[in-house]
PDB file of N, CA and C in Angstrom:
ATOM      1  N   MET A   1       0.852  -1.170   0.000  1.00  0.00           N
ATOM      2  CA  MET A   1       0.000   0.000   0.000  1.00  0.00           C
ATOM      3  C   MET A   1       0.904   1.241   0.000  1.00  0.00           C
ATOM      4  N   PRO A   2       0.650   2.191  -0.885  1.00  0.00           N
ATOM      5  CA  PRO A   2       1.474   3.404  -0.929  1.00  0.00           C
ATOM      6  C   PRO A   2       1.385   4.202   0.380  1.00  0.00           C
ATOM      7  N   LYS A   3       2.450   4.935   0.678  1.00  0.00           N
ATOM      8  CA  LYS A   3       2.522   5.682   1.928  1.00  0.00           C
ATOM      9  C   LYS A   3       1.441   6.757   2.023  1.00  0.00           C
ATOM     10  N   VAL A   4       1.006   7.289   0.885  1.00  0.00           N
ATOM     11  CA  VAL A   4      -0.033   8.324   0.892  1.00  0.00           C
ATOM     12  C   VAL A   4      -1.324   7.768   1.469  1.00  0.00           C
ATOM     13  N   PHE A   5      -1.674   6.540   1.083  1.00  0.00           N
ATOM     14  CA  PHE A   5      -2.902   5.941   1.586  1.00  0.00           C
ATOM     15  C   PHE A   5      -2.792   5.637   3.073  1.00  0.00           C
ATOM     16  N   ARG A   6      -1.619   5.237   3.537  1.00  0.00           N
ATOM     17  CA  ARG A   6      -1.426   4.991   4.964  1.00  0.00           C
ATOM     18  C   ARG A   6      -1.607   6.275   5.766  1.00  0.00           C
ATOM     19  N   LEU A   7      -1.071   7.356   5.246  1.00  0.00           N
ATOM     20  CA  LEU A   7      -1.193   8.644   5.919  1.00  0.00           C
ATOM     21  C   LEU A   7      -2.653   9.069   5.980  1.00  0.00           C
ATOM     22  N   GLU A   8      -3.380   8.907   4.884  1.00  0.00           N
ATOM     23  CA  GLU A   8      -4.801   9.246   4.859  1.00  0.00           C
ATOM     24  C   GLU A   8      -5.601   8.366   5.814  1.00  0.00           C
ATOM     25  N   LYS A   9      -5.249   7.111   5.911  1.00  0.00           N
ATOM     26  CA  LYS A   9      -5.925   6.190   6.835  1.00  0.00           C
ATOM     27  C   LYS A   9      -5.676   6.609   8.285  1.00  0.00           C
ATOM     28  N   LEU A  10      -4.428   6.961   8.589  1.00  0.00           N
ATOM     29  CA  LEU A  10      -4.115   7.439   9.938  1.00  0.00           C
ATOM     30  C   LEU A  10      -4.884   8.718  10.254  1.00  0.00           C
ATOM     31  N   GLU A  11      -4.931   9.648   9.304  1.00  0.00           N
ATOM     32  CA  GLU A  11      -5.668  10.897   9.510  1.00  0.00           C
ATOM     33  C   GLU A  11      -7.144  10.623   9.773  1.00  0.00           C
ATOM     34  N   SER A  12      -7.710   9.716   9.023  1.00  0.00           N
ATOM     35  CA  SER A  12      -9.113   9.364   9.206  1.00  0.00           C
ATOM     36  C   SER A  12      -9.352   8.741  10.582  1.00  0.00           C
ATOM     37  N   ASP A  13      -8.470   7.845  10.986  1.00  0.00           N
ATOM     38  CA  ASP A  13      -8.601   7.214  12.302  1.00  0.00           C
ATOM     39  C   ASP A  13      -8.437   8.236  13.422  1.00  0.00           C
ATOM     40  N   PHE A  14      -7.467   9.134  13.285  1.00  0.00           N
ATOM     41  CA  PHE A  14      -7.236  10.148  14.305  1.00  0.00           C
ATOM     42  C   PHE A  14      -8.429  11.090  14.428  1.00  0.00           C
ATOM     43  N   LEU A  15      -9.028  11.470  13.306  1.00  0.00           N
ATOM     44  CA  LEU A  15     -10.204  12.336  13.346  1.00  0.00           C
ATOM     45  C   LEU A  15     -11.355  11.641  14.068  1.00  0.00           C
ATOM     46  N   ARG A  16     -11.542  10.362  13.799  1.00  0.00           N
ATOM     47  CA  ARG A  16     -12.596   9.593  14.463  1.00  0.00           C
ATOM     48  C   ARG A  16     -12.341   9.516  15.967  1.00  0.00           C
ATOM     49  N   ILE A  17     -11.107   9.222  16.356  1.00  0.00           N
ATOM     50  CA  ILE A  17     -10.751   9.108  17.776  1.00  0.00           C
ATOM     51  C   ILE A  17     -10.939  10.438  18.497  1.00  0.00           C
ATOM     52  N   LEU A  18     -10.463  11.516  17.894  1.00  0.00           N
ATOM     53  CA  LEU A  18     -10.554  12.825  18.537  1.00  0.00           C
ATOM     54  C   LEU A  18     -11.994  13.336  18.609  1.00  0.00           C
ATOM     55  N   SER A  19     -12.788  13.066  17.570  1.00  0.00           N
ATOM     56  CA  SER A  19     -14.196  13.478  17.592  1.00  0.00           C
ATOM     57  C   SER A  19     -14.950  12.734  18.682  1.00  0.00           C
ATOM     58  N   GLN A  20     -14.658  11.450  18.830  1.00  0.00           N
ATOM     59  CA  GLN A  20     -15.288  10.656  19.892  1.00  0.00           C
ATOM     60  C   GLN A  20     -14.849  11.159  21.266  1.00  0.00           C
ATOM     61  N   ALA A  21     -13.572  11.528  21.391  1.00  0.00           N
ATOM     62  CA  ALA A  21     -13.065  12.065  22.660  1.00  0.00           C
ATOM     63  C   ALA A  21     -13.769  13.372  23.019  1.00  0.00           C
ATOM     64  N   LEU A  22     -14.057  14.199  22.028  1.00  0.00           N
ATOM     65  CA  LEU A  22     -14.774  15.447  22.277  1.00  0.00           C
ATOM     66  C   LEU A  22     -16.187  15.166  22.787  1.00  0.00           C
ATOM     67  N   LEU A  23     -16.858  14.184  22.181  1.00  0.00           N
ATOM     68  CA  LEU A  23     -18.216  13.841  22.619  1.00  0.00           C
ATOM     69  C   LEU A  23     -18.245  13.302  24.042  1.00  0.00           C
ATOM     70  N   GLU A  24     -17.224  12.544  24.412  1.00  0.00           N
ATOM     71  CA  GLU A  24     -17.194  11.908  25.730  1.00  0.00           C
ATOM     72  C   GLU A  24     -16.526  12.775  26.796  1.00  0.00           C
ATOM     73  N   TRP A  25     -16.037  13.925  26.414  1.00  0.00           N
ATOM     74  CA  TRP A  25     -15.332  14.812  27.333  1.00  0.00           C
ATOM     75  C   TRP A  25     -16.286  15.344  28.384  1.00  0.00           C
ATOM     76  N   LYS A  26     -15.902  15.282  29.630  1.00  0.00           N
ATOM     77  CA  LYS A  26     -16.777  15.694  30.726  1.00  0.00           C
ATOM     78  C   LYS A  26     -16.366  17.047  31.300  1.00  0.00           C
ATOM     79  N   ASN A  27     -16.145  18.010  30.440  1.00  0.00           N
ATOM     80  CA  ASN A  27     -15.791  19.358  30.870  1.00  0.00           C
ATOM     81  C   ASN A  27     -16.986  20.272  30.584  1.00  0.00           C
ATOM     82  N   PRO A  28     -17.647  20.769  31.630  1.00  0.00           N
ATOM     83  CA  PRO A  28     -18.861  21.577  31.416  1.00  0.00           C
ATOM     84  C   PRO A  28     -18.593  22.969  30.843  1.00  0.00           C
ATOM     85  N   ASP A  29     -17.334  23.389  30.788  1.00  0.00           N
ATOM     86  CA  ASP A  29     -17.026  24.725  30.281  1.00  0.00           C
ATOM     87  C   ASP A  29     -17.141  24.833  28.762  1.00  0.00           C
ATOM     88  N   PHE A  30     -17.195  23.699  28.086  1.00  0.00           N
ATOM     89  CA  PHE A  30     -17.211  23.699  26.629  1.00  0.00           C
ATOM     90  C   PHE A  30     -18.523  23.134  26.103  1.00  0.00           C
ATOM     91  N   PRO A  31     -19.264  23.927  25.324  1.00  0.00           N
ATOM     92  CA  PRO A  31     -20.506  23.419  24.725  1.00  0.00           C
ATOM     93  C   PRO A  31     -20.169  22.495  23.545  1.00  0.00           C
ATOM     94  N   LYS A  32     -20.185  21.194  23.797  1.00  0.00           N
ATOM     95  CA  LYS A  32     -19.750  20.219  22.790  1.00  0.00           C
ATOM     96  C   LYS A  32     -20.598  20.245  21.527  1.00  0.00           C
ATOM     97  N   GLU A  33     -21.845  20.679  21.649  1.00  0.00           N
ATOM     98  CA  GLU A  33     -22.713  20.718  20.470  1.00  0.00           C
ATOM     99  C   GLU A  33     -22.336  21.856  19.526  1.00  0.00           C
ATOM    100  N   LYS A  34     -21.489  22.776  19.979  1.00  0.00           N
ATOM    101  CA  LYS A  34     -21.077  23.896  19.137  1.00  0.00           C
ATOM    102  C   LYS A  34     -19.659  23.747  18.599  1.00  0.00           C
ATOM    103  N   ILE A  35     -18.974  22.677  18.987  1.00  0.00           N
ATOM    104  CA  ILE A  35     -17.590  22.461  18.569  1.00  0.00           C
ATOM    105  C   ILE A  35     -17.525  21.223  17.694  1.00  0.00           C
ATOM    106  N   SER A  36     -16.783  21.327  16.609  1.00  0.00           N
ATOM    107  CA  SER A  36     -16.615  20.193  15.715  1.00  0.00           C
ATOM    108  C   SER A  36     -15.178  20.138  15.205  1.00  0.00           C
ATOM    109  N   PHE A  37     -14.608  18.948  15.210  1.00  0.00           N
ATOM    110  CA  PHE A  37     -13.313  18.738  14.589  1.00  0.00           C
ATOM    111  C   PHE A  37     -13.580  18.368  13.139  1.00  0.00           C
ATOM    112  N   THR A  38     -13.122  19.193  12.219  1.00  0.00           N
ATOM    113  CA  THR A  38     -13.497  19.010  10.823  1.00  0.00           C
ATOM    114  C   THR A  38     -12.464  18.276   9.984  1.00  0.00           C
ATOM    115  N   ARG A  39     -11.190  18.424  10.332  1.00  0.00           N
ATOM    116  CA  ARG A  39     -10.157  17.827   9.480  1.00  0.00           C
ATOM    117  C   ARG A  39      -8.890  17.620  10.285  1.00  0.00           C
ATOM    118  N   VAL A  40      -8.121  16.634   9.880  1.00  0.00           N
ATOM    119  CA  VAL A  40      -6.836  16.338  10.500  1.00  0.00           C
ATOM    120  C   VAL A  40      -5.796  16.240   9.399  1.00  0.00           C
ATOM    121  N   LEU A  41      -4.672  16.918   9.592  1.00  0.00           N
ATOM    122  CA  LEU A  41      -3.535  16.792   8.678  1.00  0.00           C
ATOM    123  C   LEU A  41      -2.334  16.333   9.491  1.00  0.00           C
ATOM    124  N   LEU A  42      -1.768  15.222   9.096  1.00  0.00           N
ATOM    125  CA  LEU A  42      -0.624  14.648   9.784  1.00  0.00           C
ATOM    126  C   LEU A  42       0.624  14.962   8.982  1.00  0.00           C
ATOM    127  N   SER A  43       1.677  15.418   9.668  1.00  0.00           N
ATOM    128  CA  SER A  43       2.918  15.724   8.954  1.00  0.00           C
ATOM    129  C   SER A  43       3.535  14.431   8.427  1.00  0.00           C
ATOM    130  N   LYS A  44       4.410  14.553   7.446  1.00  0.00           N
ATOM    131  CA  LYS A  44       4.995  13.364   6.827  1.00  0.00           C
ATOM    132  C   LYS A  44       5.825  12.547   7.804  1.00  0.00           C
ATOM    133  N   ASP A  45       6.457  13.217   8.761  1.00  0.00           N
ATOM    134  CA  ASP A  45       7.231  12.469   9.753  1.00  0.00           C
ATOM    135  C   ASP A  45       6.360  12.001  10.932  1.00  0.00           C
ATOM    136  N   LYS A  46       5.077  12.301  10.903  1.00  0.00           N
ATOM    137  CA  LYS A  46       4.066  11.884  11.882  1.00  0.00           C
ATOM    138  C   LYS A  46       4.332  12.416  13.286  1.00  0.00           C
ATOM    139  N   ARG A  47       5.007  13.532  13.384  1.00  0.00           N
ATOM    140  CA  ARG A  47       5.281  14.126  14.689  1.00  0.00           C
ATOM    141  C   ARG A  47       4.292  15.244  15.041  1.00  0.00           C
ATOM    142  N   TYR A  48       3.638  15.793  14.036  1.00  0.00           N
ATOM    143  CA  TYR A  48       2.702  16.895  14.260  1.00  0.00           C
ATOM    144  C   TYR A  48       1.369  16.583  13.603  1.00  0.00           C
ATOM    145  N   LEU A  49       0.323  16.954  14.298  1.00  0.00           N
ATOM    146  CA  LEU A  49      -1.027  16.737  13.802  1.00  0.00           C
ATOM    147  C   LEU A  49      -1.754  18.076  13.866  1.00  0.00           C
ATOM    148  N   ASP A  50      -2.188  18.577  12.727  1.00  0.00           N
ATOM    149  CA  ASP A  50      -2.974  19.811  12.672  1.00  0.00           C
ATOM    150  C   ASP A  50      -4.445  19.425  12.748  1.00  0.00           C
ATOM    151  N   LEU A  51      -5.101  19.874  13.797  1.00  0.00           N
ATOM    152  CA  LEU A  51      -6.501  19.559  14.043  1.00  0.00           C
ATOM    153  C   LEU A  51      -7.325  20.810  13.771  1.00  0.00           C
ATOM    154  N   PHE A  52      -8.175  20.757  12.756  1.00  0.00           N
ATOM    155  CA  PHE A  52      -9.002  21.896  12.372  1.00  0.00           C
ATOM    156  C   PHE A  52     -10.297  21.874  13.188  1.00  0.00           C
ATOM    157  N   VAL A  53     -10.587  22.993  13.845  1.00  0.00           N
ATOM    158  CA  VAL A  53     -11.714  23.105  14.759  1.00  0.00           C
ATOM    159  C   VAL A  53     -12.689  24.156  14.252  1.00  0.00           C
ATOM    160  N   SER A  54     -13.956  23.771  14.104  1.00  0.00           N
ATOM    161  CA  SER A  54     -15.020  24.714  13.755  1.00  0.00           C
ATOM    162  C   SER A  54     -15.886  24.930  14.981  1.00  0.00           C
ATOM    163  N   ILE A  55     -16.262  26.181  15.195  1.00  0.00           N
ATOM    164  CA  ILE A  55     -17.139  26.507  16.313  1.00  0.00           C
ATOM    165  C   ILE A  55     -18.382  27.170  15.738  1.00  0.00           C
ATOM    166  N   PHE A  56     -19.542  26.554  16.013  1.00  0.00           N
ATOM    167  CA  PHE A  56     -20.812  27.031  15.500  1.00  0.00           C
ATOM    168  C   PHE A  56     -21.466  27.908  16.550  1.00  0.00           C
ATOM    169  N   GLU A  57     -21.626  29.148  16.246  1.00  0.00           N
ATOM    170  CA  GLU A  57     -22.268  30.089  17.163  1.00  0.00           C
ATOM    171  C   GLU A  57     -23.043  31.076  16.315  1.00  0.00           C
ATOM    172  N   THR A  58     -24.349  30.963  16.342  1.00  0.00           N
ATOM    173  CA  THR A  58     -25.154  31.845  15.507  1.00  0.00           C
ATOM    174  C   THR A  58     -25.343  33.217  16.140  1.00  0.00           C
ATOM    175  N   SER A  59     -25.406  33.282  17.464  1.00  0.00           N
ATOM    176  CA  SER A  59     -25.687  34.557  18.109  1.00  0.00           C
ATOM    177  C   SER A  59     -24.423  35.279  18.581  1.00  0.00           C
ATOM    178  N   GLY A  60     -23.347  34.549  18.826  1.00  0.00           N
ATOM    179  CA  GLY A  60     -22.136  35.152  19.364  1.00  0.00           C
ATOM    180  C   GLY A  60     -21.282  35.819  18.299  1.00  0.00           C
ATOM    181  N   SER A  61     -20.360  36.629  18.755  1.00  0.00           N
ATOM    182  CA  SER A  61     -19.470  37.329  17.836  1.00  0.00           C
ATOM    183  C   SER A  61     -18.266  36.454  17.512  1.00  0.00           C
ATOM    184  N   LEU A  62     -17.489  36.905  16.554  1.00  0.00           N
ATOM    185  CA  LEU A  62     -16.266  36.206  16.187  1.00  0.00           C
ATOM    186  C   LEU A  62     -15.302  36.169  17.368  1.00  0.00           C
ATOM    187  N   GLU A  63     -15.280  37.219  18.154  1.00  0.00           N
ATOM    188  CA  GLU A  63     -14.400  37.274  19.325  1.00  0.00           C
ATOM    189  C   GLU A  63     -14.767  36.198  20.346  1.00  0.00           C
ATOM    190  N   ASP A  64     -16.070  35.946  20.533  1.00  0.00           N
ATOM    191  CA  ASP A  64     -16.512  34.893  21.455  1.00  0.00           C
ATOM    192  C   ASP A  64     -16.053  33.530  20.974  1.00  0.00           C
ATOM    193  N   ARG A  65     -16.177  33.291  19.675  1.00  0.00           N
ATOM    194  CA  ARG A  65     -15.735  32.007  19.112  1.00  0.00           C
ATOM    195  C   ARG A  65     -14.231  31.841  19.243  1.00  0.00           C
ATOM    196  N   GLU A  66     -13.489  32.916  19.017  1.00  0.00           N
ATOM    197  CA  GLU A  66     -12.031  32.840  19.153  1.00  0.00           C
ATOM    198  C   GLU A  66     -11.618  32.613  20.602  1.00  0.00           C
ATOM    199  N   ASN A  67     -12.321  33.213  21.548  1.00  0.00           N
ATOM    200  CA  ASN A  67     -12.033  32.971  22.963  1.00  0.00           C
ATOM    201  C   ASN A  67     -12.292  31.514  23.335  1.00  0.00           C
ATOM    202  N   LEU A  68     -13.390  30.959  22.832  1.00  0.00           N
ATOM    203  CA  LEU A  68     -13.695  29.550  23.074  1.00  0.00           C
ATOM    204  C   LEU A  68     -12.627  28.658  22.438  1.00  0.00           C
ATOM    205  N   PHE A  69     -12.180  29.022  21.245  1.00  0.00           N
ATOM    206  CA  PHE A  69     -11.124  28.258  20.578  1.00  0.00           C
ATOM    207  C   PHE A  69      -9.831  28.285  21.393  1.00  0.00           C
ATOM    208  N   HIS A  70      -9.446  29.448  21.893  1.00  0.00           N
ATOM    209  CA  HIS A  70      -8.211  29.550  22.675  1.00  0.00           C
ATOM    210  C   HIS A  70      -8.318  28.771  23.987  1.00  0.00           C
ATOM    211  N   ALA A  71      -9.508  28.755  24.584  1.00  0.00           N
ATOM    212  CA  ALA A  71      -9.709  27.955  25.790  1.00  0.00           C
ATOM    213  C   ALA A  71      -9.590  26.460  25.465  1.00  0.00           C
ATOM    214  N   LEU A  72     -10.163  26.066  24.339  1.00  0.00           N
ATOM    215  CA  LEU A  72     -10.060  24.669  23.911  1.00  0.00           C
ATOM    216  C   LEU A  72      -8.616  24.313  23.571  1.00  0.00           C
ATOM    217  N   GLN A  73      -7.910  25.245  22.995  1.00  0.00           N
ATOM    218  CA  GLN A  73      -6.513  25.038  22.611  1.00  0.00           C
ATOM    219  C   GLN A  73      -5.640  24.755  23.839  1.00  0.00           C
ATOM    220  N   SER A  74      -6.008  25.295  24.973  1.00  0.00           N
ATOM    221  CA  SER A  74      -5.231  25.055  26.182  1.00  0.00           C
ATOM    222  C   SER A  74      -5.398  23.629  26.721  1.00  0.00           C
ATOM    223  N   HIS A  75      -6.344  22.861  26.158  1.00  0.00           N
ATOM    224  CA  HIS A  75      -6.582  21.488  26.595  1.00  0.00           C
ATOM    225  C   HIS A  75      -6.097  20.449  25.581  1.00  0.00           C
ATOM    226  N   THR A  76      -5.136  20.810  24.762  1.00  0.00           N
ATOM    227  CA  THR A  76      -4.644  19.855  23.766  1.00  0.00           C
ATOM    228  C   THR A  76      -3.985  18.635  24.412  1.00  0.00           C
ATOM    229  N   LYS A  77      -3.460  18.790  25.624  1.00  0.00           N
ATOM    230  CA  LYS A  77      -2.833  17.648  26.314  1.00  0.00           C
ATOM    231  C   LYS A  77      -3.852  16.539  26.571  1.00  0.00           C
ATOM    232  N   HIS A  78      -5.078  16.932  26.883  1.00  0.00           N
ATOM    233  CA  HIS A  78      -6.127  15.927  27.100  1.00  0.00           C
ATOM    234  C   HIS A  78      -6.364  15.118  25.824  1.00  0.00           C
ATOM    235  N   PHE A  79      -6.484  15.811  24.707  1.00  0.00           N
ATOM    236  CA  PHE A  79      -6.759  15.127  23.447  1.00  0.00           C
ATOM    237  C   PHE A  79      -5.557  14.297  22.990  1.00  0.00           C
ATOM    238  N   ARG A  80      -4.363  14.771  23.281  1.00  0.00           N
ATOM    239  CA  ARG A  80      -3.170  13.999  22.929  1.00  0.00           C
ATOM    240  C   ARG A  80      -3.099  12.714  23.761  1.00  0.00           C
ATOM    241  N   SER A  81      -3.467  12.786  25.029  1.00  0.00           N
ATOM    242  CA  SER A  81      -3.454  11.578  25.857  1.00  0.00           C
ATOM    243  C   SER A  81      -4.499  10.571  25.388  1.00  0.00           C
ATOM    244  N   VAL A  82      -5.663  11.049  24.977  1.00  0.00           N
ATOM    245  CA  VAL A  82      -6.686  10.149  24.424  1.00  0.00           C
ATOM    246  C   VAL A  82      -6.180   9.501  23.146  1.00  0.00           C
ATOM    247  N   LEU A  83      -5.516  10.293  22.321  1.00  0.00           N
ATOM    248  CA  LEU A  83      -4.951   9.768  21.080  1.00  0.00           C
ATOM    249  C   LEU A  83      -3.882   8.719  21.373  1.00  0.00           C
ATOM    250  N   ALA A  84      -3.071   8.956  22.373  1.00  0.00           N
ATOM    251  CA  ALA A  84      -2.020   8.005  22.737  1.00  0.00           C
ATOM    252  C   ALA A  84      -2.610   6.681  23.224  1.00  0.00           C
ATOM    253  N   LYS A  85      -3.703   6.747  23.970  1.00  0.00           N
ATOM    254  CA  LYS A  85      -4.334   5.532  24.499  1.00  0.00           C
ATOM    255  C   LYS A  85      -5.036   4.728  23.419  1.00  0.00           C
ATOM    256  N   ASN A  86      -5.530   5.410  22.384  1.00  0.00           N
ATOM    257  CA  ASN A  86      -6.367   4.742  21.384  1.00  0.00           C
ATOM    258  C   ASN A  86      -5.692   4.507  20.041  1.00  0.00           C
ATOM    259  N   SER A  87      -4.447   4.875  19.905  1.00  0.00           N
ATOM    260  CA  SER A  87      -3.741   4.607  18.649  1.00  0.00           C
ATOM    261  C   SER A  87      -2.521   3.747  18.959  1.00  0.00           C
ATOM    262  N   HIS A  88      -2.018   3.128  17.951  1.00  0.00           N
ATOM    263  CA  HIS A  88      -0.880   2.228  18.123  1.00  0.00           C
ATOM    264  C   HIS A  88       0.370   2.827  17.499  1.00  0.00           C
ATOM    265  N   MET A  89       0.613   4.073  17.851  1.00  0.00           N
ATOM    266  CA  MET A  89       1.784   4.776  17.324  1.00  0.00           C
ATOM    267  C   MET A  89       2.909   4.688  18.348  1.00  0.00           C
ATOM    268  N   TYR A  90       4.127   4.602  17.854  1.00  0.00           N
ATOM    269  CA  TYR A  90       5.280   4.591  18.740  1.00  0.00           C
ATOM    270  C   TYR A  90       5.432   5.950  19.424  1.00  0.00           C
ATOM    271  N   VAL A  91       5.271   7.008  18.651  1.00  0.00           N
ATOM    272  CA  VAL A  91       5.311   8.375  19.167  1.00  0.00           C
ATOM    273  C   VAL A  91       3.983   9.038  18.824  1.00  0.00           C
ATOM    274  N   THR A  92       3.306   9.550  19.836  1.00  0.00           N
ATOM    275  CA  THR A  92       2.043  10.243  19.608  1.00  0.00           C
ATOM    276  C   THR A  92       2.344  11.643  19.085  1.00  0.00           C
ATOM    277  N   PRO A  93       1.712  12.031  17.980  1.00  0.00           N
ATOM    278  CA  PRO A  93       2.005  13.362  17.412  1.00  0.00           C
ATOM    279  C   PRO A  93       1.549  14.498  18.326  1.00  0.00           C
ATOM    280  N   GLU A  94       2.265  15.590  18.236  1.00  0.00           N
ATOM    281  CA  GLU A  94       1.890  16.801  18.958  1.00  0.00           C
ATOM    282  C   GLU A  94       0.721  17.449  18.220  1.00  0.00           C
ATOM    283  N   ILE A  95      -0.312  17.812  18.965  1.00  0.00           N
ATOM    284  CA  ILE A  95      -1.518  18.379  18.356  1.00  0.00           C
ATOM    285  C   ILE A  95      -1.408  19.897  18.292  1.00  0.00           C
ATOM    286  N   ARG A  96      -1.633  20.421  17.085  1.00  0.00           N
ATOM    287  CA  ARG A  96      -1.703  21.869  16.874  1.00  0.00           C
ATOM    288  C   ARG A  96      -3.099  22.171  16.350  1.00  0.00           C
ATOM    289  N   MET A  97      -3.862  22.934  17.119  1.00  0.00           N
ATOM    290  CA  MET A  97      -5.234  23.251  16.704  1.00  0.00           C
ATOM    291  C   MET A  97      -5.244  24.466  15.786  1.00  0.00           C
ATOM    292  N   VAL A  98      -6.115  24.394  14.771  1.00  0.00           N
ATOM    293  CA  VAL A  98      -6.263  25.466  13.790  1.00  0.00           C
ATOM    294  C   VAL A  98      -7.739  25.861  13.764  1.00  0.00           C
ATOM    295  N   PHE A  99      -8.003  27.159  13.891  1.00  0.00           N
ATOM    296  CA  PHE A  99      -9.379  27.659  13.865  1.00  0.00           C
ATOM    297  C   PHE A  99      -9.878  27.621  12.427  1.00  0.00           C
ATOM    298  N   ASP A 100     -10.877  26.787  12.166  1.00  0.00           N
ATOM    299  CA  ASP A 100     -11.394  26.568  10.822  1.00  0.00           C
ATOM    300  C   ASP A 100     -12.673  27.375  10.617  1.00  0.00           C
ATOM    301  N   ARG A 101     -12.641  28.278   9.656  1.00  0.00           N
ATOM    302  CA  ARG A 101     -13.815  29.105   9.361  1.00  0.00           C
ATOM    303  C   ARG A 101     -14.531  28.645   8.096  1.00  0.00           C
ATOM    304  N   GLY A 102     -14.194  27.489   7.587  1.00  0.00           N
ATOM    305  CA  GLY A 102     -14.749  26.998   6.329  1.00  0.00           C
ATOM    306  C   GLY A 102     -16.252  26.810   6.359  1.00  0.00           C
ATOM    307  N   ILE A 103     -16.766  26.166   7.384  1.00  0.00           N
ATOM    308  CA  ILE A 103     -18.209  25.914   7.475  1.00  0.00           C
ATOM    309  C   ILE A 103     -18.946  27.235   7.693  1.00  0.00           C
ATOM    310  N   GLU A 104     -18.376  28.084   8.528  1.00  0.00           N
ATOM    311  CA  GLU A 104     -18.967  29.404   8.790  1.00  0.00           C
ATOM    312  C   GLU A 104     -19.076  30.214   7.498  1.00  0.00           C
ATOM    313  N   GLU A 105     -18.039  30.177   6.681  1.00  0.00           N
ATOM    314  CA  GLU A 105     -18.039  30.915   5.420  1.00  0.00           C
ATOM    315  C   GLU A 105     -19.028  30.312   4.428  1.00  0.00           C
ATOM    316  N   SER A 106     -19.162  28.983   4.407  1.00  0.00           N
ATOM    317  CA  SER A 106     -20.111  28.372   3.480  1.00  0.00           C
ATOM    318  C   SER A 106     -21.551  28.702   3.877  1.00  0.00           C
ATOM    319  N   VAL A 107     -21.835  28.784   5.181  1.00  0.00           N
ATOM    320  CA  VAL A 107     -23.176  29.181   5.635  1.00  0.00           C
ATOM    321  C   VAL A 107     -23.455  30.629   5.241  1.00  0.00           C
ATOM    322  N   ARG A 108     -22.449  31.484   5.394  1.00  0.00           N
ATOM    323  CA  ARG A 108     -22.601  32.900   5.024  1.00  0.00           C
ATOM    324  C   ARG A 108     -22.859  33.036   3.522  1.00  0.00           C
ATOM    325  N   MET A 109     -22.123  32.281   2.721  1.00  0.00           N
ATOM    326  CA  MET A 109     -22.312  32.325   1.261  1.00  0.00           C
ATOM    327  C   MET A 109     -23.696  31.806   0.868  1.00  0.00           C
ATOM    328  N   GLN A 110     -24.169  30.771   1.560  1.00  0.00           N
ATOM    329  CA  GLN A 110     -25.491  30.226   1.262  1.00  0.00           C
ATOM    330  C   GLN A 110     -26.568  31.260   1.563  1.00  0.00           C
ATOM    331  N   LYS A 111     -26.408  32.034   2.643  1.00  0.00           N
ATOM    332  CA  LYS A 111     -27.368  33.083   2.965  1.00  0.00           C
ATOM    333  C   LYS A 111     -27.376  34.163   1.886  1.00  0.00           C
ATOM    334  N   ILE A 112     -26.206  34.495   1.364  1.00  0.00           N
ATOM    335  CA  ILE A 112     -26.125  35.476   0.291  1.00  0.00           C
ATOM    336  C   ILE A 112     -26.816  34.969  -0.960  1.00  0.00           C
ATOM    337  N   ILE A 113     -26.575  33.713  -1.300  1.00  0.00           N
ATOM    338  CA  ILE A 113     -27.194  33.112  -2.492  1.00  0.00           C
ATOM    339  C   ILE A 113     -28.717  33.051  -2.320  1.00  0.00           C
ATOM    340  N   ASP A 114     -29.174  32.671  -1.137  1.00  0.00           N
ATOM    341  CA  ASP A 114     -30.618  32.638  -0.888  1.00  0.00           C
ATOM    342  C   ASP A 114     -31.232  34.030  -0.987  1.00  0.00           C
ATOM    343  N   GLY A 115     -30.488  35.063  -0.525  1.00  0.00           N
ATOM    344  CA  GLY A 115     -30.966  36.440  -0.646  1.00  0.00           C
ATOM    345  C   GLY A 115     -31.076  36.880  -2.094  1.00  0.00           C
ATOM    346  N   LEU A 116     -30.134  36.453  -2.932  1.00  0.00           N
ATOM    347  CA  LEU A 116     -30.193  36.779  -4.355  1.00  0.00           C
ATOM    348  C   LEU A 116     -31.351  36.083  -5.043  1.00  0.00           C
ATOM    349  N   LYS A 117     -31.646  34.841  -4.632  1.00  0.00           N
ATOM    350  CA  LYS A 117     -32.763  34.106  -5.223  1.00  0.00           C
ATOM    351  C   LYS A 117     -34.091  34.784  -4.885  1.00  0.00           C
ATOM    352  N   ASN A 118     -34.196  35.283  -3.645  1.00  0.00           N
ATOM    353  CA  ASN A 118     -35.425  35.937  -3.207  1.00  0.00           C
ATOM    354  C   ASN A 118     -35.642  37.280  -3.911  1.00  0.00           C
ATOM    355  N   GLU A 119     -34.546  37.964  -4.248  1.00  0.00           N
ATOM    356  CA  GLU A 119     -34.661  39.246  -4.936  1.00  0.00           C
ATOM    357  C   GLU A 119     -35.057  39.053  -6.405  1.00  0.00           C
ATOM    358  N   GLY A 120     -34.573  37.967  -6.999  1.00  0.00           N
ATOM    359  CA  GLY A 120     -34.763  37.742  -8.445  1.00  0.00           C
ATOM    360  C   GLY A 120     -36.044  37.143  -8.799  1.00  0.00           C
TER     361      GLY A 120
END
């Protein structure tokens, strides 16, 4: 199997493990229904894992979402320990969280398109 497919398989498994860890996390400070891990990128040497995080907040400002992201970012050790327990890697990659605005932007674009349809 080519190395590219192995890397993609690992990324898929890591995303599944981390998403499940978020659902089972017992920290009341974080509204789990508003946080989603959308994508995982693993470096070629498998030492770093970029975890893309989307935060859904319809009423809050961008600053509120960024504050929630930074608070979540301070708990990367928890997610790394879950990853270490549930994966069979010799070295568990260091998690770097990235604030993902992709879903937020697609919702905004859809609202614009719907507004144009209503005008026309």
